[in-house]
Amino acid sequence: MRIFDVNGRPSGPAFGDSSDSMNAPDHFCHVHGAVACGDNLCVMDGNCRALRIFDQRNAIIGKIDLSRLVGVDYPWFPAMTPVRNGTATITVNQQRGASPTSGHLRRLRGAPQRPLKPPGG
């Protein structure tokens, strides 16, 4: 992952693991969205179904299981959009067997304003 400023210049080094080591706490399968959450960065990985939180030094400080967060068992998360005041919306698609696909919008509020317990720590 890499952050760019408003002029398109890289702002700091690349970070996060994109190797085959899916057990790394900062591993990315496919980033579908990233928004500021307080002084941190919240990154939605729709394929791995995780919301990862990075501090200003790009160190991971938290990871949330998106399936548990929204209460569905095998969802897809195609997009995350910042709204205002630390709020973001995420889209959720869910299909169960031959049933029609259902789509949902979820609003995320209360993004962490302080560091969380590191994954596995």
PDB file of N, CA and C in Angstrom:
ATOM      1  N   MET A   1       0.858  -1.154   0.000  1.00  0.00           N
ATOM      2  CA  MET A   1       0.000   0.000   0.000  1.00  0.00           C
ATOM      3  C   MET A   1       0.906   1.218   0.000  1.00  0.00           C
ATOM      4  N   ARG A   2       0.451   2.260  -0.634  1.00  0.00           N
ATOM      5  CA  ARG A   2       1.214   3.503  -0.677  1.00  0.00           C
ATOM      6  C   ARG A   2       0.260   4.674  -0.609  1.00  0.00           C
ATOM      7  N   ILE A   3       0.602   5.684   0.162  1.00  0.00           N
ATOM      8  CA  ILE A   3      -0.203   6.893   0.297  1.00  0.00           C
ATOM      9  C   ILE A   3       0.429   7.986  -0.554  1.00  0.00           C
ATOM     10  N   PHE A   4      -0.436   8.744  -1.260  1.00  0.00           N
ATOM     11  CA  PHE A   4       0.015   9.842  -2.102  1.00  0.00           C
ATOM     12  C   PHE A   4      -0.609  11.142  -1.622  1.00  0.00           C
ATOM     13  N   ASP A   5       0.128  12.252  -1.813  1.00  0.00           N
ATOM     14  CA  ASP A   5      -0.432  13.546  -1.440  1.00  0.00           C
ATOM     15  C   ASP A   5      -1.369  14.038  -2.549  1.00  0.00           C
ATOM     16  N   VAL A   6      -1.961  15.215  -2.348  1.00  0.00           N
ATOM     17  CA  VAL A   6      -2.934  15.735  -3.313  1.00  0.00           C
ATOM     18  C   VAL A   6      -2.310  16.058  -4.669  1.00  0.00           C
ATOM     19  N   ASN A   7      -0.984  16.153  -4.733  1.00  0.00           N
ATOM     20  CA  ASN A   7      -0.298  16.423  -5.997  1.00  0.00           C
ATOM     21  C   ASN A   7       0.175  15.144  -6.689  1.00  0.00           C
ATOM     22  N   GLY A   8      -0.180  13.992  -6.133  1.00  0.00           N
ATOM     23  CA  GLY A   8       0.187  12.720  -6.748  1.00  0.00           C
ATOM     24  C   GLY A   8       1.576  12.219  -6.401  1.00  0.00           C
ATOM     25  N   ARG A   9       2.241  12.845  -5.422  1.00  0.00           N
ATOM     26  CA  ARG A   9       3.570  12.406  -4.995  1.00  0.00           C
ATOM     27  C   ARG A   9       3.455  11.428  -3.833  1.00  0.00           C
ATOM     28  N   PRO A  10       4.292  10.373  -3.820  1.00  0.00           N
ATOM     29  CA  PRO A  10       4.257   9.448  -2.684  1.00  0.00           C
ATOM     30  C   PRO A  10       4.522  10.179  -1.383  1.00  0.00           C
ATOM     31  N   SER A  11       3.753   9.832  -0.357  1.00  0.00           N
ATOM     32  CA  SER A  11       3.902  10.426   0.963  1.00  0.00           C
ATOM     33  C   SER A  11       4.338   9.324   1.915  1.00  0.00           C
ATOM     34  N   GLY A  12       5.626   9.065   1.950  1.00  0.00           N
ATOM     35  CA  GLY A  12       6.160   8.004   2.796  1.00  0.00           C
ATOM     36  C   GLY A  12       6.338   6.712   2.021  1.00  0.00           C
ATOM     37  N   PRO A  13       6.964   5.742   2.673  1.00  0.00           N
ATOM     38  CA  PRO A  13       7.256   4.466   2.011  1.00  0.00           C
ATOM     39  C   PRO A  13       6.010   3.584   1.878  1.00  0.00           C
ATOM     40  N   ALA A  14       6.097   2.615   0.991  1.00  0.00           N
ATOM     41  CA  ALA A  14       5.033   1.616   0.865  1.00  0.00           C
ATOM     42  C   ALA A  14       5.007   0.770   2.140  1.00  0.00           C
ATOM     43  N   PHE A  15       3.852   0.229   2.480  1.00  0.00           N
ATOM     44  CA  PHE A  15       3.739  -0.593   3.678  1.00  0.00           C
ATOM     45  C   PHE A  15       2.694  -1.681   3.464  1.00  0.00           C
ATOM     46  N   GLY A  16       2.687  -2.639   4.383  1.00  0.00           N
ATOM     47  CA  GLY A  16       1.754  -3.761   4.298  1.00  0.00           C
ATOM     48  C   GLY A  16       2.383  -4.917   3.557  1.00  0.00           C
ATOM     49  N   ASP A  17       1.916  -6.114   3.872  1.00  0.00           N
ATOM     50  CA  ASP A  17       2.450  -7.338   3.279  1.00  0.00           C
ATOM     51  C   ASP A  17       1.517  -7.815   2.175  1.00  0.00           C
ATOM     52  N   SER A  18       2.053  -8.022   0.984  1.00  0.00           N
ATOM     53  CA  SER A  18       1.240  -8.543  -0.117  1.00  0.00           C
ATOM     54  C   SER A  18       1.801  -9.856  -0.637  1.00  0.00           C
ATOM     55  N   SER A  19       2.612 -10.512   0.188  1.00  0.00           N
ATOM     56  CA  SER A  19       3.183 -11.803  -0.213  1.00  0.00           C
ATOM     57  C   SER A  19       2.129 -12.902  -0.045  1.00  0.00           C
ATOM     58  N   ASP A  20       2.547 -14.129  -0.162  1.00  0.00           N
ATOM     59  CA  ASP A  20       1.629 -15.253   0.017  1.00  0.00           C
ATOM     60  C   ASP A  20       1.382 -15.592   1.479  1.00  0.00           C
ATOM     61  N   SER A  21       1.990 -14.841   2.388  1.00  0.00           N
ATOM     62  CA  SER A  21       1.843 -15.106   3.820  1.00  0.00           C
ATOM     63  C   SER A  21       0.563 -14.465   4.335  1.00  0.00           C
ATOM     64  N   MET A  22      -0.559 -15.127   4.130  1.00  0.00           N
ATOM     65  CA  MET A  22      -1.844 -14.558   4.522  1.00  0.00           C
ATOM     66  C   MET A  22      -2.006 -14.428   6.029  1.00  0.00           C
ATOM     67  N   ASN A  23      -1.123 -15.028   6.808  1.00  0.00           N
ATOM     68  CA  ASN A  23      -1.230 -14.934   8.261  1.00  0.00           C
ATOM     69  C   ASN A  23      -0.575 -13.686   8.832  1.00  0.00           C
ATOM     70  N   ALA A  24       0.152 -12.936   8.004  1.00  0.00           N
ATOM     71  CA  ALA A  24       0.772 -11.702   8.496  1.00  0.00           C
ATOM     72  C   ALA A  24      -0.335 -10.714   8.875  1.00  0.00           C
ATOM     73  N   PRO A  25      -0.215 -10.056  10.028  1.00  0.00           N
ATOM     74  CA  PRO A  25      -1.286  -9.147  10.453  1.00  0.00           C
ATOM     75  C   PRO A  25      -1.505  -7.973   9.498  1.00  0.00           C
ATOM     76  N   ASP A  26      -0.464  -7.597   8.748  1.00  0.00           N
ATOM     77  CA  ASP A  26      -0.610  -6.471   7.816  1.00  0.00           C
ATOM     78  C   ASP A  26      -0.723  -6.948   6.364  1.00  0.00           C
ATOM     79  N   HIS A  27      -1.142  -8.209   6.170  1.00  0.00           N
ATOM     80  CA  HIS A  27      -1.278  -8.762   4.816  1.00  0.00           C
ATOM     81  C   HIS A  27      -2.488  -8.154   4.106  1.00  0.00           C
ATOM     82  N   PHE A  28      -2.329  -7.858   2.826  1.00  0.00           N
ATOM     83  CA  PHE A  28      -3.443  -7.385   2.005  1.00  0.00           C
ATOM     84  C   PHE A  28      -3.743  -8.418   0.935  1.00  0.00           C
ATOM     85  N   CYS A  29      -5.020  -8.767   0.771  1.00  0.00           N
ATOM     86  CA  CYS A  29      -5.455  -9.581  -0.367  1.00  0.00           C
ATOM     87  C   CYS A  29      -5.812  -8.636  -1.508  1.00  0.00           C
ATOM     88  N   HIS A  30      -6.768  -7.732  -1.257  1.00  0.00           N
ATOM     89  CA  HIS A  30      -7.144  -6.726  -2.248  1.00  0.00           C
ATOM     90  C   HIS A  30      -7.800  -5.568  -1.509  1.00  0.00           C
ATOM     91  N   VAL A  31      -7.186  -4.403  -1.582  1.00  0.00           N
ATOM     92  CA  VAL A  31      -7.706  -3.224  -0.901  1.00  0.00           C
ATOM     93  C   VAL A  31      -8.858  -2.649  -1.719  1.00  0.00           C
ATOM     94  N   HIS A  32     -10.011  -2.510  -1.077  1.00  0.00           N
ATOM     95  CA  HIS A  32     -11.189  -1.952  -1.735  1.00  0.00           C
ATOM     96  C   HIS A  32     -11.505  -0.537  -1.272  1.00  0.00           C
ATOM     97  N   GLY A  33     -10.825  -0.065  -0.245  1.00  0.00           N
ATOM     98  CA  GLY A  33     -11.066   1.294   0.223  1.00  0.00           C
ATOM     99  C   GLY A  33     -10.157   1.642   1.378  1.00  0.00           C
ATOM    100  N   ALA A  34      -9.904   2.934   1.536  1.00  0.00           N
ATOM    101  CA  ALA A  34      -9.102   3.430   2.651  1.00  0.00           C
ATOM    102  C   ALA A  34      -9.620   4.806   3.027  1.00  0.00           C
ATOM    103  N   VAL A  35      -9.811   5.032   4.316  1.00  0.00           N
ATOM    104  CA  VAL A  35     -10.286   6.329   4.798  1.00  0.00           C
ATOM    105  C   VAL A  35      -9.518   6.699   6.060  1.00  0.00           C
ATOM    106  N   ALA A  36      -9.433   7.989   6.321  1.00  0.00           N
ATOM    107  CA  ALA A  36      -8.857   8.453   7.577  1.00  0.00           C
ATOM    108  C   ALA A  36      -9.814   8.087   8.699  1.00  0.00           C
ATOM    109  N   CYS A  37      -9.266   7.624   9.794  1.00  0.00           N
ATOM    110  CA  CYS A  37     -10.079   7.340  10.986  1.00  0.00           C
ATOM    111  C   CYS A  37      -9.327   7.923  12.177  1.00  0.00           C
ATOM    112  N   GLY A  38      -9.742   9.100  12.551  1.00  0.00           N
ATOM    113  CA  GLY A  38      -8.996   9.847  13.557  1.00  0.00           C
ATOM    114  C   GLY A  38      -7.650  10.223  12.975  1.00  0.00           C
ATOM    115  N   ASP A  39      -6.594   9.977  13.714  1.00  0.00           N
ATOM    116  CA  ASP A  39      -5.239  10.225  13.227  1.00  0.00           C
ATOM    117  C   ASP A  39      -4.670   8.996  12.522  1.00  0.00           C
ATOM    118  N   ASN A  40      -5.479   7.981  12.355  1.00  0.00           N
ATOM    119  CA  ASN A  40      -5.037   6.714  11.781  1.00  0.00           C
ATOM    120  C   ASN A  40      -5.613   6.516  10.385  1.00  0.00           C
ATOM    121  N   LEU A  41      -5.293   5.389   9.774  1.00  0.00           N
ATOM    122  CA  LEU A  41      -5.793   5.045   8.456  1.00  0.00           C
ATOM    123  C   LEU A  41      -6.507   3.701   8.551  1.00  0.00           C
ATOM    124  N   CYS A  42      -7.775   3.658   8.130  1.00  0.00           N
ATOM    125  CA  CYS A  42      -8.547   2.417   8.101  1.00  0.00           C
ATOM    126  C   CYS A  42      -8.571   1.922   6.667  1.00  0.00           C
ATOM    127  N   VAL A  43      -8.141   0.673   6.474  1.00  0.00           N
ATOM    128  CA  VAL A  43      -8.028   0.079   5.145  1.00  0.00           C
ATOM    129  C   VAL A  43      -8.943  -1.136   5.086  1.00  0.00           C
ATOM    130  N   MET A  44      -9.888  -1.117   4.121  1.00  0.00           N
ATOM    131  CA  MET A  44     -10.812  -2.234   3.957  1.00  0.00           C
ATOM    132  C   MET A  44     -10.283  -3.186   2.903  1.00  0.00           C
ATOM    133  N   ASP A  45     -10.088  -4.427   3.308  1.00  0.00           N
ATOM    134  CA  ASP A  45      -9.651  -5.493   2.412  1.00  0.00           C
ATOM    135  C   ASP A  45     -10.855  -6.392   2.176  1.00  0.00           C
ATOM    136  N   GLY A  46     -11.501  -6.213   1.027  1.00  0.00           N
ATOM    137  CA  GLY A  46     -12.728  -6.946   0.739  1.00  0.00           C
ATOM    138  C   GLY A  46     -12.521  -8.421   0.514  1.00  0.00           C
ATOM    139  N   ASN A  47     -11.381  -8.818  -0.008  1.00  0.00           N
ATOM    140  CA  ASN A  47     -11.153 -10.245  -0.254  1.00  0.00           C
ATOM    141  C   ASN A  47     -10.839 -11.002   1.026  1.00  0.00           C
ATOM    142  N   CYS A  48     -10.028 -10.428   1.888  1.00  0.00           N
ATOM    143  CA  CYS A  48      -9.711 -11.078   3.163  1.00  0.00           C
ATOM    144  C   CYS A  48     -10.740 -10.736   4.240  1.00  0.00           C
ATOM    145  N   ARG A  49     -11.703  -9.877   3.893  1.00  0.00           N
ATOM    146  CA  ARG A  49     -12.801  -9.499   4.791  1.00  0.00           C
ATOM    147  C   ARG A  49     -12.286  -8.956   6.118  1.00  0.00           C
ATOM    148  N   ALA A  50     -11.392  -7.969   6.012  1.00  0.00           N
ATOM    149  CA  ALA A  50     -10.805  -7.383   7.212  1.00  0.00           C
ATOM    150  C   ALA A  50     -10.709  -5.868   7.066  1.00  0.00           C
ATOM    151  N   LEU A  51     -10.853  -5.188   8.190  1.00  0.00           N
ATOM    152  CA  LEU A  51     -10.603  -3.761   8.267  1.00  0.00           C
ATOM    153  C   LEU A  51      -9.351  -3.622   9.120  1.00  0.00           C
ATOM    154  N   ARG A  52      -8.271  -3.131   8.523  1.00  0.00           N
ATOM    155  CA  ARG A  52      -7.011  -2.975   9.236  1.00  0.00           C
ATOM    156  C   ARG A  52      -6.793  -1.501   9.536  1.00  0.00           C
ATOM    157  N   ILE A  53      -6.249  -1.237  10.724  1.00  0.00           N
ATOM    158  CA  ILE A  53      -6.028   0.131  11.162  1.00  0.00           C
ATOM    159  C   ILE A  53      -4.533   0.340  11.341  1.00  0.00           C
ATOM    160  N   PHE A  54      -4.017   1.384  10.679  1.00  0.00           N
ATOM    161  CA  PHE A  54      -2.595   1.718  10.707  1.00  0.00           C
ATOM    162  C   PHE A  54      -2.408   3.078  11.354  1.00  0.00           C
ATOM    163  N   ASP A  55      -1.312   3.218  12.117  1.00  0.00           N
ATOM    164  CA  ASP A  55      -1.010   4.510  12.723  1.00  0.00           C
ATOM    165  C   ASP A  55      -0.254   5.388  11.725  1.00  0.00           C
ATOM    166  N   GLN A  56       0.169   6.555  12.167  1.00  0.00           N
ATOM    167  CA  GLN A  56       0.839   7.507  11.275  1.00  0.00           C
ATOM    168  C   GLN A  56       2.208   7.027  10.810  1.00  0.00           C
ATOM    169  N   ARG A  57       2.776   6.028  11.477  1.00  0.00           N
ATOM    170  CA  ARG A  57       4.058   5.446  11.052  1.00  0.00           C
ATOM    171  C   ARG A  57       3.835   4.222  10.169  1.00  0.00           C
ATOM    172  N   ASN A  58       2.571   3.978   9.783  1.00  0.00           N
ATOM    173  CA  ASN A  58       2.171   2.840   8.944  1.00  0.00           C
ATOM    174  C   ASN A  58       2.328   1.496   9.647  1.00  0.00           C
ATOM    175  N   ALA A  59       2.342   1.512  10.975  1.00  0.00           N
ATOM    176  CA  ALA A  59       2.377   0.268  11.747  1.00  0.00           C
ATOM    177  C   ALA A  59       0.936  -0.157  12.020  1.00  0.00           C
ATOM    178  N   ILE A  60       0.657  -1.452  11.892  1.00  0.00           N
ATOM    179  CA  ILE A  60      -0.700  -1.932  12.155  1.00  0.00           C
ATOM    180  C   ILE A  60      -0.981  -1.879  13.648  1.00  0.00           C
ATOM    181  N   ILE A  61      -2.140  -1.329  13.992  1.00  0.00           N
ATOM    182  CA  ILE A  61      -2.518  -1.230  15.401  1.00  0.00           C
ATOM    183  C   ILE A  61      -3.846  -1.925  15.683  1.00  0.00           C
ATOM    184  N   GLY A  62      -4.495  -2.452  14.645  1.00  0.00           N
ATOM    185  CA  GLY A  62      -5.745  -3.162  14.876  1.00  0.00           C
ATOM    186  C   GLY A  62      -6.256  -3.838  13.626  1.00  0.00           C
ATOM    187  N   LYS A  63      -7.054  -4.877  13.823  1.00  0.00           N
ATOM    188  CA  LYS A  63      -7.657  -5.610  12.711  1.00  0.00           C
ATOM    189  C   LYS A  63      -9.043  -6.057  13.154  1.00  0.00           C
ATOM    190  N   ILE A  64     -10.043  -5.814  12.297  1.00  0.00           N
ATOM    191  CA  ILE A  64     -11.427  -6.161  12.603  1.00  0.00           C
ATOM    192  C   ILE A  64     -11.934  -7.110  11.530  1.00  0.00           C
ATOM    193  N   ASP A  65     -12.573  -8.190  11.934  1.00  0.00           N
ATOM    194  CA  ASP A  65     -13.181  -9.149  11.014  1.00  0.00           C
ATOM    195  C   ASP A  65     -14.479  -8.534  10.491  1.00  0.00           C
ATOM    196  N   LEU A  66     -14.521  -8.200   9.199  1.00  0.00           N
ATOM    197  CA  LEU A  66     -15.694  -7.537   8.623  1.00  0.00           C
ATOM    198  C   LEU A  66     -16.924  -8.434   8.611  1.00  0.00           C
ATOM    199  N   SER A  67     -16.753  -9.731   8.440  1.00  0.00           N
ATOM    200  CA  SER A  67     -17.908 -10.634   8.458  1.00  0.00           C
ATOM    201  C   SER A  67     -18.625 -10.562   9.805  1.00  0.00           C
ATOM    202  N   ARG A  68     -17.863 -10.582  10.880  1.00  0.00           N
ATOM    203  CA  ARG A  68     -18.457 -10.475  12.229  1.00  0.00           C
ATOM    204  C   ARG A  68     -19.018  -9.089  12.466  1.00  0.00           C
ATOM    205  N   LEU A  69     -18.338  -8.063  11.959  1.00  0.00           N
ATOM    206  CA  LEU A  69     -18.784  -6.688  12.175  1.00  0.00           C
ATOM    207  C   LEU A  69     -20.174  -6.441  11.599  1.00  0.00           C
ATOM    208  N   VAL A  70     -20.438  -6.950  10.395  1.00  0.00           N
ATOM    209  CA  VAL A  70     -21.731  -6.690   9.753  1.00  0.00           C
ATOM    210  C   VAL A  70     -22.711  -7.847   9.893  1.00  0.00           C
ATOM    211  N   GLY A  71     -22.278  -8.972  10.454  1.00  0.00           N
ATOM    212  CA  GLY A  71     -23.186 -10.062  10.753  1.00  0.00           C
ATOM    213  C   GLY A  71     -23.605 -10.927   9.575  1.00  0.00           C
ATOM    214  N   VAL A  72     -22.713 -11.131   8.617  1.00  0.00           N
ATOM    215  CA  VAL A  72     -22.988 -12.052   7.513  1.00  0.00           C
ATOM    216  C   VAL A  72     -21.846 -13.046   7.408  1.00  0.00           C
ATOM    217  N   ASP A  73     -22.119 -14.223   6.811  1.00  0.00           N
ATOM    218  CA  ASP A  73     -21.122 -15.278   6.879  1.00  0.00           C
ATOM    219  C   ASP A  73     -20.118 -15.325   5.730  1.00  0.00           C
ATOM    220  N   TYR A  74     -20.483 -14.961   4.522  1.00  0.00           N
ATOM    221  CA  TYR A  74     -19.509 -14.986   3.424  1.00  0.00           C
ATOM    222  C   TYR A  74     -19.774 -13.807   2.485  1.00  0.00           C
ATOM    223  N   PRO A  75     -19.522 -12.587   2.980  1.00  0.00           N
ATOM    224  CA  PRO A  75     -19.847 -11.393   2.201  1.00  0.00           C
ATOM    225  C   PRO A  75     -18.705 -10.959   1.284  1.00  0.00           C
ATOM    226  N   TRP A  76     -19.026 -10.050   0.404  1.00  0.00           N
ATOM    227  CA  TRP A  76     -18.039  -9.324  -0.392  1.00  0.00           C
ATOM    228  C   TRP A  76     -18.197  -7.856  -0.062  1.00  0.00           C
ATOM    229  N   PHE A  77     -17.091  -7.161   0.010  1.00  0.00           N
ATOM    230  CA  PHE A  77     -17.069  -5.740   0.372  1.00  0.00           C
ATOM    231  C   PHE A  77     -16.437  -4.954  -0.771  1.00  0.00           C
ATOM    232  N   PRO A  78     -17.216  -4.555  -1.766  1.00  0.00           N
ATOM    233  CA  PRO A  78     -16.628  -3.918  -2.944  1.00  0.00           C
ATOM    234  C   PRO A  78     -16.185  -2.473  -2.775  1.00  0.00           C
ATOM    235  N   ALA A  79     -16.682  -1.754  -1.768  1.00  0.00           N
ATOM    236  CA  ALA A  79     -16.306  -0.333  -1.684  1.00  0.00           C
ATOM    237  C   ALA A  79     -16.482   0.210  -0.276  1.00  0.00           C
ATOM    238  N   MET A  80     -15.672   1.217   0.044  1.00  0.00           N
ATOM    239  CA  MET A  80     -15.789   1.978   1.278  1.00  0.00           C
ATOM    240  C   MET A  80     -15.591   3.447   0.914  1.00  0.00           C
ATOM    241  N   THR A  81     -16.496   4.302   1.392  1.00  0.00           N
ATOM    242  CA  THR A  81     -16.466   5.712   1.020  1.00  0.00           C
ATOM    243  C   THR A  81     -16.541   6.580   2.268  1.00  0.00           C
ATOM    244  N   PRO A  82     -15.616   7.535   2.421  1.00  0.00           N
ATOM    245  CA  PRO A  82     -15.730   8.447   3.557  1.00  0.00           C
ATOM    246  C   PRO A  82     -16.943   9.360   3.374  1.00  0.00           C
ATOM    247  N   VAL A  83     -17.626   9.661   4.456  1.00  0.00           N
ATOM    248  CA  VAL A  83     -18.784  10.549   4.389  1.00  0.00           C
ATOM    249  C   VAL A  83     -18.427  11.872   5.048  1.00  0.00           C
ATOM    250  N   ARG A  84     -18.384  11.910   6.364  1.00  0.00           N
ATOM    251  CA  ARG A  84     -17.961  13.103   7.097  1.00  0.00           C
ATOM    252  C   ARG A  84     -17.811  12.753   8.576  1.00  0.00           C
ATOM    253  N   ASN A  85     -17.099  13.579   9.280  1.00  0.00           N
ATOM    254  CA  ASN A  85     -16.951  13.452  10.729  1.00  0.00           C
ATOM    255  C   ASN A  85     -16.564  12.049  11.189  1.00  0.00           C
ATOM    256  N   GLY A  86     -15.606  11.418  10.496  1.00  0.00           N
ATOM    257  CA  GLY A  86     -15.153  10.100  10.907  1.00  0.00           C
ATOM    258  C   GLY A  86     -16.106   8.969  10.578  1.00  0.00           C
ATOM    259  N   THR A  87     -17.072   9.225   9.703  1.00  0.00           N
ATOM    260  CA  THR A  87     -18.038   8.218   9.296  1.00  0.00           C
ATOM    261  C   THR A  87     -17.714   7.751   7.883  1.00  0.00           C
ATOM    262  N   ALA A  88     -17.913   6.476   7.626  1.00  0.00           N
ATOM    263  CA  ALA A  88     -17.728   5.928   6.282  1.00  0.00           C
ATOM    264  C   ALA A  88     -18.880   4.976   5.997  1.00  0.00           C
ATOM    265  N   THR A  89     -19.189   4.793   4.721  1.00  0.00           N
ATOM    266  CA  THR A  89     -20.158   3.767   4.346  1.00  0.00           C
ATOM    267  C   THR A  89     -19.416   2.665   3.612  1.00  0.00           C
ATOM    268  N   ILE A  90     -19.867   1.442   3.835  1.00  0.00           N
ATOM    269  CA  ILE A  90     -19.317   0.300   3.100  1.00  0.00           C
ATOM    270  C   ILE A  90     -20.475  -0.411   2.414  1.00  0.00           C
ATOM    271  N   THR A  91     -20.195  -0.953   1.255  1.00  0.00           N
ATOM    272  CA  THR A  91     -21.196  -1.783   0.585  1.00  0.00           C
ATOM    273  C   THR A  91     -20.885  -3.233   0.894  1.00  0.00           C
ATOM    274  N   VAL A  92     -21.943  -4.012   1.050  1.00  0.00           N
ATOM    275  CA  VAL A  92     -21.821  -5.418   1.394  1.00  0.00           C
ATOM    276  C   VAL A  92     -22.711  -6.209   0.447  1.00  0.00           C
ATOM    277  N   ASN A  93     -22.145  -7.205  -0.215  1.00  0.00           N
ATOM    278  CA  ASN A  93     -22.919  -8.118  -1.055  1.00  0.00           C
ATOM    279  C   ASN A  93     -22.887  -9.493  -0.414  1.00  0.00           C
ATOM    280  N   GLN A  94     -24.016 -10.172  -0.444  1.00  0.00           N
ATOM    281  CA  GLN A  94     -24.119 -11.498   0.162  1.00  0.00           C
ATOM    282  C   GLN A  94     -24.977 -12.378  -0.731  1.00  0.00           C
ATOM    283  N   GLN A  95     -24.493 -13.569  -1.034  1.00  0.00           N
ATOM    284  CA  GLN A  95     -25.291 -14.549  -1.764  1.00  0.00           C
ATOM    285  C   GLN A  95     -25.230 -15.868  -1.033  1.00  0.00           C
ATOM    286  N   ARG A  96     -26.370 -16.493  -0.876  1.00  0.00           N
ATOM    287  CA  ARG A  96     -26.453 -17.779  -0.179  1.00  0.00           C
ATOM    288  C   ARG A  96     -27.017 -18.813  -1.139  1.00  0.00           C
ATOM    289  N   GLY A  97     -26.159 -19.684  -1.629  1.00  0.00           N
ATOM    290  CA  GLY A  97     -26.595 -20.737  -2.534  1.00  0.00           C
ATOM    291  C   GLY A  97     -27.253 -20.187  -3.785  1.00  0.00           C
ATOM    292  N   ALA A  98     -28.418 -20.710  -4.115  1.00  0.00           N
ATOM    293  CA  ALA A  98     -29.130 -20.276  -5.314  1.00  0.00           C
ATOM    294  C   ALA A  98     -29.990 -19.039  -5.062  1.00  0.00           C
ATOM    295  N   SER A  99     -29.992 -18.538  -3.826  1.00  0.00           N
ATOM    296  CA  SER A  99     -30.788 -17.356  -3.505  1.00  0.00           C
ATOM    297  C   SER A  99     -30.258 -16.134  -4.242  1.00  0.00           C
ATOM    298  N   PRO A 100     -31.122 -15.177  -4.488  1.00  0.00           N
ATOM    299  CA  PRO A 100     -30.642 -13.934  -5.106  1.00  0.00           C
ATOM    300  C   PRO A 100     -29.618 -13.244  -4.211  1.00  0.00           C
ATOM    301  N   THR A 101     -28.732 -12.509  -4.826  1.00  0.00           N
ATOM    302  CA  THR A 101     -27.743 -11.748  -4.079  1.00  0.00           C
ATOM    303  C   THR A 101     -28.433 -10.585  -3.382  1.00  0.00           C
ATOM    304  N   SER A 102     -28.073 -10.350  -2.137  1.00  0.00           N
ATOM    305  CA  SER A 102     -28.605  -9.184  -1.437  1.00  0.00           C
ATOM    306  C   SER A 102     -27.482  -8.171  -1.281  1.00  0.00           C
ATOM    307  N   GLY A 103     -27.832  -6.910  -1.343  1.00  0.00           N
ATOM    308  CA  GLY A 103     -26.863  -5.837  -1.186  1.00  0.00           C
ATOM    309  C   GLY A 103     -27.241  -4.966  -0.002  1.00  0.00           C
ATOM    310  N   HIS A 104     -26.248  -4.475   0.690  1.00  0.00           N
ATOM    311  CA  HIS A 104     -26.489  -3.657   1.875  1.00  0.00           C
ATOM    312  C   HIS A 104     -25.507  -2.497   1.888  1.00  0.00           C
ATOM    313  N   LEU A 105     -25.909  -1.415   2.499  1.00  0.00           N
ATOM    314  CA  LEU A 105     -25.002  -0.325   2.841  1.00  0.00           C
ATOM    315  C   LEU A 105     -24.890  -0.323   4.351  1.00  0.00           C
ATOM    316  N   ARG A 106     -23.705  -0.228   4.843  1.00  0.00           N
ATOM    317  CA  ARG A 106     -23.488  -0.149   6.287  1.00  0.00           C
ATOM    318  C   ARG A 106     -22.733   1.137   6.585  1.00  0.00           C
ATOM    319  N   ARG A 107     -23.106   1.769   7.660  1.00  0.00           N
ATOM    320  CA  ARG A 107     -22.412   2.981   8.085  1.00  0.00           C
ATOM    321  C   ARG A 107     -21.489   2.620   9.239  1.00  0.00           C
ATOM    322  N   LEU A 108     -20.242   3.020   9.121  1.00  0.00           N
ATOM    323  CA  LEU A 108     -19.258   2.816  10.186  1.00  0.00           C
ATOM    324  C   LEU A 108     -19.041   4.151  10.871  1.00  0.00           C
ATOM    325  N   ARG A 109     -19.195   4.172  12.171  1.00  0.00           N
ATOM    326  CA  ARG A 109     -18.925   5.373  12.948  1.00  0.00           C
ATOM    327  C   ARG A 109     -18.046   5.020  14.120  1.00  0.00           C
ATOM    328  N   GLY A 110     -17.481   6.051  14.713  1.00  0.00           N
ATOM    329  CA  GLY A 110     -16.689   5.824  15.912  1.00  0.00           C
ATOM    330  C   GLY A 110     -15.346   5.199  15.621  1.00  0.00           C
ATOM    331  N   ALA A 111     -14.740   5.604  14.516  1.00  0.00           N
ATOM    332  CA  ALA A 111     -13.410   5.100  14.180  1.00  0.00           C
ATOM    333  C   ALA A 111     -12.475   5.400  15.338  1.00  0.00           C
ATOM    334  N   PRO A 112     -11.557   4.490  15.623  1.00  0.00           N
ATOM    335  CA  PRO A 112     -10.699   4.645  16.792  1.00  0.00           C
ATOM    336  C   PRO A 112      -9.908   5.947  16.768  1.00  0.00           C
ATOM    337  N   GLN A 113      -9.929   6.637  17.855  1.00  0.00           N
ATOM    338  CA  GLN A 113      -9.157   7.864  17.996  1.00  0.00           C
ATOM    339  C   GLN A 113      -7.878   7.601  18.776  1.00  0.00           C
ATOM    340  N   ARG A 114      -7.705   6.387  19.251  1.00  0.00           N
ATOM    341  CA  ARG A 114      -6.507   6.019  20.000  1.00  0.00           C
ATOM    342  C   ARG A 114      -6.049   4.651  19.541  1.00  0.00           C
ATOM    343  N   PRO A 115      -4.790   4.312  19.774  1.00  0.00           N
ATOM    344  CA  PRO A 115      -4.305   2.993  19.325  1.00  0.00           C
ATOM    345  C   PRO A 115      -5.098   1.860  19.951  1.00  0.00           C
ATOM    346  N   LEU A 116      -5.277   0.810  19.169  1.00  0.00           N
ATOM    347  CA  LEU A 116      -5.942  -0.401  19.637  1.00  0.00           C
ATOM    348  C   LEU A 116      -4.889  -1.436  20.007  1.00  0.00           C
ATOM    349  N   LYS A 117      -5.333  -2.493  20.644  1.00  0.00           N
ATOM    350  CA  LYS A 117      -4.437  -3.603  20.954  1.00  0.00           C
ATOM    351  C   LYS A 117      -3.960  -4.227  19.631  1.00  0.00           C
ATOM    352  N   PRO A 118      -2.644  -4.376  19.431  1.00  0.00           N
ATOM    353  CA  PRO A 118      -2.149  -4.965  18.180  1.00  0.00           C
ATOM    354  C   PRO A 118      -2.674  -6.377  17.988  1.00  0.00           C
ATOM    355  N   PRO A 119      -2.846  -6.820  16.721  1.00  0.00           N
ATOM    356  CA  PRO A 119      -3.300  -8.181  16.474  1.00  0.00           C
ATOM    357  C   PRO A 119      -2.339  -9.181  17.087  1.00  0.00           C
ATOM    358  N   GLY A 120      -2.876 -10.172  17.752  1.00  0.00           N
ATOM    359  CA  GLY A 120      -2.052 -11.213  18.361  1.00  0.00           C
ATOM    360  C   GLY A 120      -1.319 -10.741  19.602  1.00  0.00           C
ATOM    361  N   GLY A 121      -1.555  -9.492  20.023  1.00  0.00           N
ATOM    362  CA  GLY A 121      -0.812  -8.966  21.172  1.00  0.00           C
ATOM    363  C   GLY A 121      -1.681  -8.615  22.326  1.00  0.00           C
TER     364      GLY A 121
END
